[in-house]
Amino acid sequence: MLSCKRNLANIMVSARRVLRSDQVVVSGCVQRCLSTRTDGEVRITEILKEKFPLASSLKVVDISGGCGAMYEIHIESSEFKGKRTIQQHQLVNQALKEEIQGMHGLRIFTDVPKH
């Protein structure tokens, strides 16, 4: 996201120059920053919703810039109660076993609902 913000700043400077010449330019980064979720984010979210139906919070973000090489997952579920963090992460890894094969990296953040 930080690199997207940097690119966005550079794009804004370039856009000002282009707009002076009455042209319209849309960058891939701007499209990604302002767009909805990627296909990979949707697919992974669906898998995790199916595997963890009691999840009270679930967020999947493609942090590779949209190419699907790396994701960050935040999931909060009562299904993690009584399990150590490593066990929680193992459950997520097992749920995404097939998808992980095509990834370069995965950040997992799990938690148990506080209430």
PDB file of N, CA and C in Angstrom:
ATOM      1  N   MET A   1       0.833  -1.186   0.000  1.00  0.00           N
ATOM      2  CA  MET A   1       0.000   0.000   0.000  1.00  0.00           C
ATOM      3  C   MET A   1       0.874   1.245   0.000  1.00  0.00           C
ATOM      4  N   LEU A   2       2.013   1.175   0.730  1.00  0.00           N
ATOM      5  CA  LEU A   2       2.909   2.319   0.787  1.00  0.00           C
ATOM      6  C   LEU A   2       3.457   2.633  -0.599  1.00  0.00           C
ATOM      7  N   SER A   3       3.865   1.583  -1.347  1.00  0.00           N
ATOM      8  CA  SER A   3       4.388   1.838  -2.684  1.00  0.00           C
ATOM      9  C   SER A   3       3.294   2.382  -3.591  1.00  0.00           C
ATOM     10  N   CYS A   4       2.064   1.930  -3.375  1.00  0.00           N
ATOM     11  CA  CYS A   4       0.943   2.440  -4.159  1.00  0.00           C
ATOM     12  C   CYS A   4       0.738   3.925  -3.864  1.00  0.00           C
ATOM     13  N   LYS A   5       0.872   4.319  -2.593  1.00  0.00           N
ATOM     14  CA  LYS A   5       0.725   5.729  -2.231  1.00  0.00           C
ATOM     15  C   LYS A   5       1.824   6.564  -2.868  1.00  0.00           C
ATOM     16  N   ARG A   6       3.061   6.026  -2.857  1.00  0.00           N
ATOM     17  CA  ARG A   6       4.167   6.744  -3.496  1.00  0.00           C
ATOM     18  C   ARG A   6       3.907   6.891  -4.986  1.00  0.00           C
ATOM     19  N   ASN A   7       3.494   5.782  -5.609  1.00  0.00           N
ATOM     20  CA  ASN A   7       3.192   5.843  -7.037  1.00  0.00           C
ATOM     21  C   ASN A   7       2.060   6.813  -7.311  1.00  0.00           C
ATOM     22  N   LEU A   8       1.065   6.826  -6.435  1.00  0.00           N
ATOM     23  CA  LEU A   8      -0.066   7.727  -6.599  1.00  0.00           C
ATOM     24  C   LEU A   8       0.396   9.184  -6.564  1.00  0.00           C
ATOM     25  N   ALA A   9       1.334   9.505  -5.670  1.00  0.00           N
ATOM     26  CA  ALA A   9       1.857  10.867  -5.596  1.00  0.00           C
ATOM     27  C   ALA A   9       2.555  11.236  -6.901  1.00  0.00           C
ATOM     28  N   ASN A  10       3.369  10.302  -7.421  1.00  0.00           N
ATOM     29  CA  ASN A  10       4.053  10.552  -8.692  1.00  0.00           C
ATOM     30  C   ASN A  10       3.052  10.678  -9.838  1.00  0.00           C
ATOM     31  N   ILE A  11       2.029   9.878  -9.797  1.00  0.00           N
ATOM     32  CA  ILE A  11       1.002   9.920 -10.844  1.00  0.00           C
ATOM     33  C   ILE A  11       0.269  11.246 -10.800  1.00  0.00           C
ATOM     34  N   MET A  12      -0.004  11.745  -9.599  1.00  0.00           N
ATOM     35  CA  MET A  12      -0.719  13.017  -9.477  1.00  0.00           C
ATOM     36  C   MET A  12       0.087  14.152 -10.111  1.00  0.00           C
ATOM     37  N   VAL A  13       1.401  14.130  -9.898  1.00  0.00           N
ATOM     38  CA  VAL A  13       2.253  15.160 -10.505  1.00  0.00           C
ATOM     39  C   VAL A  13       2.185  15.037 -12.022  1.00  0.00           C
ATOM     40  N   SER A  14       2.306  13.790 -12.522  1.00  0.00           N
ATOM     41  CA  SER A  14       2.235  13.569 -13.970  1.00  0.00           C
ATOM     42  C   SER A  14       0.858  13.930 -14.505  1.00  0.00           C
ATOM     43  N   ALA A  15      -0.180  13.614 -13.741  1.00  0.00           N
ATOM     44  CA  ALA A  15      -1.549  13.888 -14.190  1.00  0.00           C
ATOM     45  C   ALA A  15      -1.786  15.380 -14.352  1.00  0.00           C
ATOM     46  N   ARG A  16      -1.217  16.168 -13.433  1.00  0.00           N
ATOM     47  CA  ARG A  16      -1.376  17.630 -13.553  1.00  0.00           C
ATOM     48  C   ARG A  16      -0.806  18.116 -14.880  1.00  0.00           C
ATOM     49  N   ARG A  17       0.358  17.566 -15.241  1.00  0.00           N
ATOM     50  CA  ARG A  17       0.980  17.959 -16.510  1.00  0.00           C
ATOM     51  C   ARG A  17       0.112  17.538 -17.684  1.00  0.00           C
ATOM     52  N   VAL A  18      -0.399  16.313 -17.625  1.00  0.00           N
ATOM     53  CA  VAL A  18      -1.210  15.792 -18.723  1.00  0.00           C
ATOM     54  C   VAL A  18      -2.522  16.543 -18.832  1.00  0.00           C
ATOM     55  N   LEU A  19      -3.145  16.835 -17.708  1.00  0.00           N
ATOM     56  CA  LEU A  19      -4.430  17.530 -17.737  1.00  0.00           C
ATOM     57  C   LEU A  19      -4.318  18.907 -18.373  1.00  0.00           C
ATOM     58  N   ARG A  20      -3.171  19.515 -18.246  1.00  0.00           N
ATOM     59  CA  ARG A  20      -2.969  20.820 -18.896  1.00  0.00           C
ATOM     60  C   ARG A  20      -3.072  20.701 -20.412  1.00  0.00           C
ATOM     61  N   SER A  21      -2.793  19.461 -20.909  1.00  0.00           N
ATOM     62  CA  SER A  21      -2.866  19.274 -22.362  1.00  0.00           C
ATOM     63  C   SER A  21      -4.184  18.609 -22.770  1.00  0.00           C
ATOM     64  N   ASP A  22      -5.181  18.606 -21.869  1.00  0.00           N
ATOM     65  CA  ASP A  22      -6.518  18.085 -22.125  1.00  0.00           C
ATOM     66  C   ASP A  22      -6.539  16.595 -22.464  1.00  0.00           C
ATOM     67  N   GLN A  23      -5.618  15.811 -21.898  1.00  0.00           N
ATOM     68  CA  GLN A  23      -5.610  14.366 -22.084  1.00  0.00           C
ATOM     69  C   GLN A  23      -5.994  13.703 -20.765  1.00  0.00           C
ATOM     70  N   VAL A  24      -6.488  12.475 -20.857  1.00  0.00           N
ATOM     71  CA  VAL A  24      -6.845  11.731 -19.652  1.00  0.00           C
ATOM     72  C   VAL A  24      -5.979  10.482 -19.578  1.00  0.00           C
ATOM     73  N   VAL A  25      -5.340  10.263 -18.431  1.00  0.00           N
ATOM     74  CA  VAL A  25      -4.480   9.104 -18.224  1.00  0.00           C
ATOM     75  C   VAL A  25      -4.909   8.414 -16.941  1.00  0.00           C
ATOM     76  N   VAL A  26      -5.045   7.095 -17.000  1.00  0.00           N
ATOM     77  CA  VAL A  26      -5.379   6.324 -15.806  1.00  0.00           C
ATOM     78  C   VAL A  26      -4.285   5.291 -15.617  1.00  0.00           C
ATOM     79  N   SER A  27      -3.663   5.311 -14.471  1.00  0.00           N
ATOM     80  CA  SER A  27      -2.578   4.382 -14.169  1.00  0.00           C
ATOM     81  C   SER A  27      -3.128   3.109 -13.551  1.00  0.00           C
ATOM     82  N   GLY A  28      -2.405   2.009 -13.734  1.00  0.00           N
ATOM     83  CA  GLY A  28      -2.775   0.742 -13.110  1.00  0.00           C
ATOM     84  C   GLY A  28      -2.798   0.848 -11.602  1.00  0.00           C
ATOM     85  N   CYS A  29      -1.861   1.589 -11.038  1.00  0.00           N
ATOM     86  CA  CYS A  29      -1.814   1.735  -9.580  1.00  0.00           C
ATOM     87  C   CYS A  29      -3.042   2.489  -9.084  1.00  0.00           C
ATOM     88  N   VAL A  30      -3.420   3.540  -9.785  1.00  0.00           N
ATOM     89  CA  VAL A  30      -4.598   4.290  -9.374  1.00  0.00           C
ATOM     90  C   VAL A  30      -5.820   3.393  -9.467  1.00  0.00           C
ATOM     91  N   GLN A  31      -5.924   2.620 -10.547  1.00  0.00           N
ATOM     92  CA  GLN A  31      -7.044   1.708 -10.692  1.00  0.00           C
ATOM     93  C   GLN A  31      -7.077   0.723  -9.536  1.00  0.00           C
ATOM     94  N   ARG A  32      -5.926   0.151  -9.174  1.00  0.00           N
ATOM     95  CA  ARG A  32      -5.871  -0.838  -8.087  1.00  0.00           C
ATOM     96  C   ARG A  32      -6.200  -0.192  -6.752  1.00  0.00           C
ATOM     97  N   CYS A  33      -5.695   0.998  -6.498  1.00  0.00           N
ATOM     98  CA  CYS A  33      -5.940   1.660  -5.220  1.00  0.00           C
ATOM     99  C   CYS A  33      -7.411   2.026  -5.049  1.00  0.00           C
ATOM    100  N   LEU A  34      -8.081   2.311  -6.148  1.00  0.00           N
ATOM    101  CA  LEU A  34      -9.456   2.766  -6.071  1.00  0.00           C
ATOM    102  C   LEU A  34     -10.468   1.680  -6.429  1.00  0.00           C
ATOM    103  N   SER A  35      -9.990   0.511  -6.826  1.00  0.00           N
ATOM    104  CA  SER A  35     -10.903  -0.524  -7.297  1.00  0.00           C
ATOM    105  C   SER A  35     -11.398  -1.417  -6.170  1.00  0.00           C
ATOM    106  N   THR A  36     -12.272  -2.342  -6.548  1.00  0.00           N
ATOM    107  CA  THR A  36     -12.761  -3.327  -5.600  1.00  0.00           C
ATOM    108  C   THR A  36     -11.732  -4.446  -5.475  1.00  0.00           C
ATOM    109  N   ARG A  37     -12.110  -5.510  -4.828  1.00  0.00           N
ATOM    110  CA  ARG A  37     -11.186  -6.604  -4.554  1.00  0.00           C
ATOM    111  C   ARG A  37     -10.780  -7.360  -5.821  1.00  0.00           C
ATOM    112  N   THR A  38      -9.596  -7.970  -5.768  1.00  0.00           N
ATOM    113  CA  THR A  38      -9.119  -8.774  -6.890  1.00  0.00           C
ATOM    114  C   THR A  38      -9.814 -10.135  -6.871  1.00  0.00           C
ATOM    115  N   ASP A  39      -9.705 -10.865  -7.973  1.00  0.00           N
ATOM    116  CA  ASP A  39     -10.278 -12.213  -8.043  1.00  0.00           C
ATOM    117  C   ASP A  39      -9.685 -13.111  -6.964  1.00  0.00           C
ATOM    118  N   GLY A  40      -8.369 -12.990  -6.736  1.00  0.00           N
ATOM    119  CA  GLY A  40      -7.710 -13.790  -5.711  1.00  0.00           C
ATOM    120  C   GLY A  40      -8.225 -13.477  -4.315  1.00  0.00           C
ATOM    121  N   GLU A  41      -8.438 -12.208  -4.032  1.00  0.00           N
ATOM    122  CA  GLU A  41      -8.981 -11.817  -2.721  1.00  0.00           C
ATOM    123  C   GLU A  41     -10.372 -12.414  -2.517  1.00  0.00           C
ATOM    124  N   VAL A  42     -11.186 -12.364  -3.556  1.00  0.00           N
ATOM    125  CA  VAL A  42     -12.544 -12.905  -3.479  1.00  0.00           C
ATOM    126  C   VAL A  42     -12.496 -14.416  -3.274  1.00  0.00           C
ATOM    127  N   ARG A  43     -11.655 -15.108  -4.056  1.00  0.00           N
ATOM    128  CA  ARG A  43     -11.545 -16.567  -3.965  1.00  0.00           C
ATOM    129  C   ARG A  43     -11.086 -17.002  -2.580  1.00  0.00           C
ATOM    130  N   ILE A  44     -10.041 -16.356  -2.053  1.00  0.00           N
ATOM    131  CA  ILE A  44      -9.511 -16.712  -0.737  1.00  0.00           C
ATOM    132  C   ILE A  44     -10.531 -16.402   0.353  1.00  0.00           C
ATOM    133  N   THR A  45     -11.222 -15.291   0.232  1.00  0.00           N
ATOM    134  CA  THR A  45     -12.263 -14.935   1.205  1.00  0.00           C
ATOM    135  C   THR A  45     -13.354 -15.997   1.229  1.00  0.00           C
ATOM    136  N   GLU A  46     -13.789 -16.436   0.063  1.00  0.00           N
ATOM    137  CA  GLU A  46     -14.838 -17.461  -0.007  1.00  0.00           C
ATOM    138  C   GLU A  46     -14.390 -18.763   0.642  1.00  0.00           C
ATOM    139  N   ILE A  47     -13.169 -19.166   0.380  1.00  0.00           N
ATOM    140  CA  ILE A  47     -12.635 -20.405   0.969  1.00  0.00           C
ATOM    141  C   ILE A  47     -12.598 -20.291   2.488  1.00  0.00           C
ATOM    142  N   LEU A  48     -12.109 -19.166   2.984  1.00  0.00           N
ATOM    143  CA  LEU A  48     -11.996 -18.994   4.434  1.00  0.00           C
ATOM    144  C   LEU A  48     -13.367 -18.872   5.101  1.00  0.00           C
ATOM    145  N   LYS A  49     -14.323 -18.247   4.431  1.00  0.00           N
ATOM    146  CA  LYS A  49     -15.687 -18.169   4.990  1.00  0.00           C
ATOM    147  C   LYS A  49     -16.293 -19.561   5.104  1.00  0.00           C
ATOM    148  N   GLU A  50     -16.003 -20.407   4.123  1.00  0.00           N
ATOM    149  CA  GLU A  50     -16.513 -21.779   4.151  1.00  0.00           C
ATOM    150  C   GLU A  50     -15.832 -22.595   5.248  1.00  0.00           C
ATOM    151  N   LYS A  51     -14.524 -22.429   5.388  1.00  0.00           N
ATOM    152  CA  LYS A  51     -13.760 -23.192   6.379  1.00  0.00           C
ATOM    153  C   LYS A  51     -13.991 -22.693   7.801  1.00  0.00           C
ATOM    154  N   PHE A  52     -14.205 -21.380   7.952  1.00  0.00           N
ATOM    155  CA  PHE A  52     -14.407 -20.769   9.269  1.00  0.00           C
ATOM    156  C   PHE A  52     -15.748 -20.031   9.287  1.00  0.00           C
ATOM    157  N   PRO A  53     -16.847 -20.772   9.322  1.00  0.00           N
ATOM    158  CA  PRO A  53     -18.173 -20.130   9.261  1.00  0.00           C
ATOM    159  C   PRO A  53     -18.481 -19.251  10.474  1.00  0.00           C
ATOM    160  N   LEU A  54     -17.766 -19.449  11.574  1.00  0.00           N
ATOM    161  CA  LEU A  54     -18.008 -18.642  12.773  1.00  0.00           C
ATOM    162  C   LEU A  54     -17.128 -17.385  12.827  1.00  0.00           C
ATOM    163  N   ALA A  55     -16.385 -17.124  11.760  1.00  0.00           N
ATOM    164  CA  ALA A  55     -15.505 -15.950  11.740  1.00  0.00           C
ATOM    165  C   ALA A  55     -16.324 -14.675  11.889  1.00  0.00           C
ATOM    166  N   SER A  56     -15.949 -13.857  12.883  1.00  0.00           N
ATOM    167  CA  SER A  56     -16.650 -12.593  13.103  1.00  0.00           C
ATOM    168  C   SER A  56     -16.010 -11.460  12.310  1.00  0.00           C
ATOM    169  N   SER A  57     -14.792 -11.689  11.840  1.00  0.00           N
ATOM    170  CA  SER A  57     -14.087 -10.687  11.053  1.00  0.00           C
ATOM    171  C   SER A  57     -13.140 -11.405  10.093  1.00  0.00           C
ATOM    172  N   LEU A  58     -13.137 -10.969   8.839  1.00  0.00           N
ATOM    173  CA  LEU A  58     -12.269 -11.576   7.831  1.00  0.00           C
ATOM    174  C   LEU A  58     -11.884 -10.518   6.808  1.00  0.00           C
ATOM    175  N   LYS A  59     -10.592 -10.368   6.600  1.00  0.00           N
ATOM    176  CA  LYS A  59     -10.100  -9.406   5.610  1.00  0.00           C
ATOM    177  C   LYS A  59      -8.948 -10.058   4.857  1.00  0.00           C
ATOM    178  N   VAL A  60      -9.034 -10.046   3.532  1.00  0.00           N
ATOM    179  CA  VAL A  60      -7.991 -10.590   2.673  1.00  0.00           C
ATOM    180  C   VAL A  60      -7.540  -9.475   1.740  1.00  0.00           C
ATOM    181  N   VAL A  61      -6.223  -9.208   1.718  1.00  0.00           N
ATOM    182  CA  VAL A  61      -5.689  -8.139   0.888  1.00  0.00           C
ATOM    183  C   VAL A  61      -4.529  -8.662   0.060  1.00  0.00           C
ATOM    184  N   ASP A  62      -4.595  -8.427  -1.237  1.00  0.00           N
ATOM    185  CA  ASP A  62      -3.488  -8.760  -2.134  1.00  0.00           C
ATOM    186  C   ASP A  62      -2.445  -7.664  -1.967  1.00  0.00           C
ATOM    187  N   ILE A  63      -1.335  -8.000  -1.334  1.00  0.00           N
ATOM    188  CA  ILE A  63      -0.294  -6.992  -1.061  1.00  0.00           C
ATOM    189  C   ILE A  63       0.829  -7.052  -2.097  1.00  0.00           C
ATOM    190  N   SER A  64       0.568  -7.757  -3.198  1.00  0.00           N
ATOM    191  CA  SER A  64       1.568  -7.854  -4.263  1.00  0.00           C
ATOM    192  C   SER A  64       1.294  -6.857  -5.378  1.00  0.00           C
ATOM    193  N   GLY A  65       0.323  -5.989  -5.168  1.00  0.00           N
ATOM    194  CA  GLY A  65      -0.001  -5.012  -6.195  1.00  0.00           C
ATOM    195  C   GLY A  65      -1.050  -5.506  -7.177  1.00  0.00           C
ATOM    196  N   GLY A  66      -1.678  -6.612  -6.846  1.00  0.00           N
ATOM    197  CA  GLY A  66      -2.752  -7.111  -7.699  1.00  0.00           C
ATOM    198  C   GLY A  66      -2.412  -8.345  -8.503  1.00  0.00           C
ATOM    199  N   CYS A  67      -1.167  -8.812  -8.438  1.00  0.00           N
ATOM    200  CA  CYS A  67      -0.791  -9.970  -9.258  1.00  0.00           C
ATOM    201  C   CYS A  67      -1.052 -11.307  -8.563  1.00  0.00           C
ATOM    202  N   GLY A  68      -1.402 -11.292  -7.282  1.00  0.00           N
ATOM    203  CA  GLY A  68      -1.742 -12.523  -6.587  1.00  0.00           C
ATOM    204  C   GLY A  68      -0.573 -13.300  -6.015  1.00  0.00           C
ATOM    205  N   ALA A  69       0.585 -12.678  -5.931  1.00  0.00           N
ATOM    206  CA  ALA A  69       1.764 -13.390  -5.435  1.00  0.00           C
ATOM    207  C   ALA A  69       1.858 -13.397  -3.913  1.00  0.00           C
ATOM    208  N   MET A  70       1.237 -12.413  -3.253  1.00  0.00           N
ATOM    209  CA  MET A  70       1.333 -12.333  -1.797  1.00  0.00           C
ATOM    210  C   MET A  70       0.055 -11.724  -1.225  1.00  0.00           C
ATOM    211  N   TYR A  71      -0.420 -12.337  -0.147  1.00  0.00           N
ATOM    212  CA  TYR A  71      -1.649 -11.888   0.489  1.00  0.00           C
ATOM    213  C   TYR A  71      -1.431 -11.662   1.978  1.00  0.00           C
ATOM    214  N   GLU A  72      -2.265 -10.795   2.528  1.00  0.00           N
ATOM    215  CA  GLU A  72      -2.314 -10.583   3.969  1.00  0.00           C
ATOM    216  C   GLU A  72      -3.729 -10.924   4.407  1.00  0.00           C
ATOM    217  N   ILE A  73      -3.822 -11.791   5.429  1.00  0.00           N
ATOM    218  CA  ILE A  73      -5.117 -12.267   5.910  1.00  0.00           C
ATOM    219  C   ILE A  73      -5.274 -11.915   7.374  1.00  0.00           C
ATOM    220  N   HIS A  74      -6.384 -11.286   7.703  1.00  0.00           N
ATOM    221  CA  HIS A  74      -6.764 -11.007   9.088  1.00  0.00           C
ATOM    222  C   HIS A  74      -8.070 -11.761   9.326  1.00  0.00           C
ATOM    223  N   ILE A  75      -8.058 -12.672  10.283  1.00  0.00           N
ATOM    224  CA  ILE A  75      -9.265 -13.442  10.564  1.00  0.00           C
ATOM    225  C   ILE A  75      -9.448 -13.588  12.070  1.00  0.00           C
ATOM    226  N   GLU A  76     -10.661 -13.301  12.499  1.00  0.00           N
ATOM    227  CA  GLU A  76     -11.029 -13.415  13.914  1.00  0.00           C
ATOM    228  C   GLU A  76     -12.176 -14.417  13.995  1.00  0.00           C
ATOM    229  N   SER A  77     -11.963 -15.500  14.755  1.00  0.00           N
ATOM    230  CA  SER A  77     -12.980 -16.536  14.842  1.00  0.00           C
ATOM    231  C   SER A  77     -12.944 -17.232  16.198  1.00  0.00           C
ATOM    232  N   SER A  78     -14.123 -17.560  16.695  1.00  0.00           N
ATOM    233  CA  SER A  78     -14.209 -18.299  17.956  1.00  0.00           C
ATOM    234  C   SER A  78     -13.675 -19.722  17.779  1.00  0.00           C
ATOM    235  N   GLU A  79     -13.528 -20.161  16.549  1.00  0.00           N
ATOM    236  CA  GLU A  79     -12.958 -21.481  16.263  1.00  0.00           C
ATOM    237  C   GLU A  79     -11.484 -21.571  16.660  1.00  0.00           C
ATOM    238  N   PHE A  80     -10.856 -20.437  16.895  1.00  0.00           N
ATOM    239  CA  PHE A  80      -9.448 -20.410  17.312  1.00  0.00           C
ATOM    240  C   PHE A  80      -9.297 -20.480  18.836  1.00  0.00           C
ATOM    241  N   LYS A  81     -10.407 -20.401  19.540  1.00  0.00           N
ATOM    242  CA  LYS A  81     -10.364 -20.377  21.006  1.00  0.00           C
ATOM    243  C   LYS A  81      -9.654 -21.620  21.545  1.00  0.00           C
ATOM    244  N   GLY A  82      -8.725 -21.395  22.487  1.00  0.00           N
ATOM    245  CA  GLY A  82      -7.974 -22.473  23.107  1.00  0.00           C
ATOM    246  C   GLY A  82      -6.799 -22.971  22.290  1.00  0.00           C
ATOM    247  N   LYS A  83      -6.584 -22.406  21.109  1.00  0.00           N
ATOM    248  CA  LYS A  83      -5.470 -22.822  20.255  1.00  0.00           C
ATOM    249  C   LYS A  83      -4.355 -21.780  20.305  1.00  0.00           C
ATOM    250  N   ARG A  84      -3.130 -22.258  20.285  1.00  0.00           N
ATOM    251  CA  ARG A  84      -1.978 -21.353  20.215  1.00  0.00           C
ATOM    252  C   ARG A  84      -1.950 -20.707  18.830  1.00  0.00           C
ATOM    253  N   THR A  85      -1.237 -19.601  18.731  1.00  0.00           N
ATOM    254  CA  THR A  85      -1.152 -18.864  17.463  1.00  0.00           C
ATOM    255  C   THR A  85      -0.678 -19.767  16.333  1.00  0.00           C
ATOM    256  N   ILE A  86       0.332 -20.581  16.583  1.00  0.00           N
ATOM    257  CA  ILE A  86       0.859 -21.460  15.532  1.00  0.00           C
ATOM    258  C   ILE A  86      -0.213 -22.433  15.051  1.00  0.00           C
ATOM    259  N   GLN A  87      -1.052 -22.912  15.963  1.00  0.00           N
ATOM    260  CA  GLN A  87      -2.137 -23.824  15.586  1.00  0.00           C
ATOM    261  C   GLN A  87      -3.201 -23.095  14.761  1.00  0.00           C
ATOM    262  N   GLN A  88      -3.486 -21.856  15.135  1.00  0.00           N
ATOM    263  CA  GLN A  88      -4.444 -21.048  14.380  1.00  0.00           C
ATOM    264  C   GLN A  88      -3.941 -20.848  12.952  1.00  0.00           C
ATOM    265  N   HIS A  89      -2.660 -20.522  12.825  1.00  0.00           N
ATOM    266  CA  HIS A  89      -2.071 -20.286  11.503  1.00  0.00           C
ATOM    267  C   HIS A  89      -2.046 -21.571  10.684  1.00  0.00           C
ATOM    268  N   GLN A  90      -1.805 -22.698  11.342  1.00  0.00           N
ATOM    269  CA  GLN A  90      -1.813 -23.983  10.642  1.00  0.00           C
ATOM    270  C   GLN A  90      -3.191 -24.282  10.068  1.00  0.00           C
ATOM    271  N   LEU A  91      -4.238 -23.937  10.800  1.00  0.00           N
ATOM    272  CA  LEU A  91      -5.601 -24.135  10.298  1.00  0.00           C
ATOM    273  C   LEU A  91      -5.855 -23.307   9.036  1.00  0.00           C
ATOM    274  N   VAL A  92      -5.384 -22.068   9.056  1.00  0.00           N
ATOM    275  CA  VAL A  92      -5.550 -21.194   7.881  1.00  0.00           C
ATOM    276  C   VAL A  92      -4.734 -21.746   6.712  1.00  0.00           C
ATOM    277  N   ASN A  93      -3.491 -22.137   6.983  1.00  0.00           N
ATOM    278  CA  ASN A  93      -2.640 -22.710   5.929  1.00  0.00           C
ATOM    279  C   ASN A  93      -3.282 -23.950   5.323  1.00  0.00           C
ATOM    280  N   GLN A  94      -3.841 -24.807   6.151  1.00  0.00           N
ATOM    281  CA  GLN A  94      -4.486 -26.027   5.659  1.00  0.00           C
ATOM    282  C   GLN A  94      -5.692 -25.690   4.792  1.00  0.00           C
ATOM    283  N   ALA A  95      -6.458 -24.693   5.196  1.00  0.00           N
ATOM    284  CA  ALA A  95      -7.634 -24.285   4.420  1.00  0.00           C
ATOM    285  C   ALA A  95      -7.236 -23.764   3.039  1.00  0.00           C
ATOM    286  N   LEU A  96      -6.056 -23.156   2.953  1.00  0.00           N
ATOM    287  CA  LEU A  96      -5.593 -22.549   1.694  1.00  0.00           C
ATOM    288  C   LEU A  96      -4.494 -23.357   1.015  1.00  0.00           C
ATOM    289  N   LYS A  97      -4.419 -24.625   1.348  1.00  0.00           N
ATOM    290  CA  LYS A  97      -3.340 -25.492   0.857  1.00  0.00           C
ATOM    291  C   LYS A  97      -3.139 -25.391  -0.661  1.00  0.00           C
ATOM    292  N   GLU A  98      -4.201 -25.472  -1.425  1.00  0.00           N
ATOM    293  CA  GLU A  98      -4.097 -25.420  -2.891  1.00  0.00           C
ATOM    294  C   GLU A  98      -3.651 -24.041  -3.380  1.00  0.00           C
ATOM    295  N   GLU A  99      -4.217 -22.979  -2.811  1.00  0.00           N
ATOM    296  CA  GLU A  99      -3.901 -21.616  -3.249  1.00  0.00           C
ATOM    297  C   GLU A  99      -2.469 -21.224  -2.906  1.00  0.00           C
ATOM    298  N   ILE A 100      -1.972 -21.701  -1.775  1.00  0.00           N
ATOM    299  CA  ILE A 100      -0.632 -21.342  -1.309  1.00  0.00           C
ATOM    300  C   ILE A 100       0.438 -21.801  -2.300  1.00  0.00           C
ATOM    301  N   GLN A 101       0.181 -22.865  -3.008  1.00  0.00           N
ATOM    302  CA  GLN A 101       1.164 -23.389  -3.967  1.00  0.00           C
ATOM    303  C   GLN A 101       1.545 -22.364  -5.033  1.00  0.00           C
ATOM    304  N   GLY A 102       0.617 -21.463  -5.365  1.00  0.00           N
ATOM    305  CA  GLY A 102       0.893 -20.461  -6.387  1.00  0.00           C
ATOM    306  C   GLY A 102       1.321 -19.112  -5.837  1.00  0.00           C
ATOM    307  N   MET A 103       1.553 -19.034  -4.529  1.00  0.00           N
ATOM    308  CA  MET A 103       1.919 -17.762  -3.889  1.00  0.00           C
ATOM    309  C   MET A 103       3.413 -17.709  -3.565  1.00  0.00           C
ATOM    310  N   HIS A 104       3.906 -16.482  -3.438  1.00  0.00           N
ATOM    311  CA  HIS A 104       5.276 -16.270  -2.974  1.00  0.00           C
ATOM    312  C   HIS A 104       5.306 -16.019  -1.478  1.00  0.00           C
ATOM    313  N   GLY A 105       4.206 -15.547  -0.932  1.00  0.00           N
ATOM    314  CA  GLY A 105       4.178 -15.253   0.497  1.00  0.00           C
ATOM    315  C   GLY A 105       2.765 -15.062   1.006  1.00  0.00           C
ATOM    316  N   LEU A 106       2.632 -15.227   2.326  1.00  0.00           N
ATOM    317  CA  LEU A 106       1.332 -15.103   2.969  1.00  0.00           C
ATOM    318  C   LEU A 106       1.552 -14.589   4.386  1.00  0.00           C
ATOM    319  N   ARG A 107       0.897 -13.500   4.718  1.00  0.00           N
ATOM    320  CA  ARG A 107       0.921 -12.976   6.087  1.00  0.00           C
ATOM    321  C   ARG A 107      -0.407 -13.321   6.732  1.00  0.00           C
ATOM    322  N   ILE A 108      -0.342 -13.960   7.891  1.00  0.00           N
ATOM    323  CA  ILE A 108      -1.565 -14.375   8.563  1.00  0.00           C
ATOM    324  C   ILE A 108      -1.634 -13.728   9.945  1.00  0.00           C
ATOM    325  N   PHE A 109      -2.765 -13.128  10.231  1.00  0.00           N
ATOM    326  CA  PHE A 109      -3.040 -12.545  11.548  1.00  0.00           C
ATOM    327  C   PHE A 109      -4.349 -13.150  12.024  1.00  0.00           C
ATOM    328  N   THR A 110      -4.294 -13.907  13.121  1.00  0.00           N
ATOM    329  CA  THR A 110      -5.493 -14.541  13.657  1.00  0.00           C
ATOM    330  C   THR A 110      -5.774 -14.030  15.057  1.00  0.00           C
ATOM    331  N   ASP A 111      -7.038 -14.122  15.456  1.00  0.00           N
ATOM    332  CA  ASP A 111      -7.422 -13.691  16.799  1.00  0.00           C
ATOM    333  C   ASP A 111      -8.746 -14.353  17.172  1.00  0.00           C
ATOM    334  N   VAL A 112      -9.017 -14.351  18.459  1.00  0.00           N
ATOM    335  CA  VAL A 112     -10.283 -14.839  19.000  1.00  0.00           C
ATOM    336  C   VAL A 112     -11.093 -13.606  19.369  1.00  0.00           C
ATOM    337  N   PRO A 113     -12.394 -13.587  19.050  1.00  0.00           N
ATOM    338  CA  PRO A 113     -13.217 -12.425  19.412  1.00  0.00           C
ATOM    339  C   PRO A 113     -13.117 -12.110  20.896  1.00  0.00           C
ATOM    340  N   LYS A 114     -13.072 -10.844  21.233  1.00  0.00           N
ATOM    341  CA  LYS A 114     -12.904 -10.405  22.626  1.00  0.00           C
ATOM    342  C   LYS A 114     -14.192 -10.516  23.431  1.00  0.00           C
ATOM    343  N   HIS A 115     -15.339 -10.474  22.781  1.00  0.00           N
ATOM    344  CA  HIS A 115     -16.622 -10.488  23.480  1.00  0.00           C
ATOM    345  C   HIS A 115     -17.246 -11.853  23.518  1.00  0.00           C
TER     346      HIS A 115
END
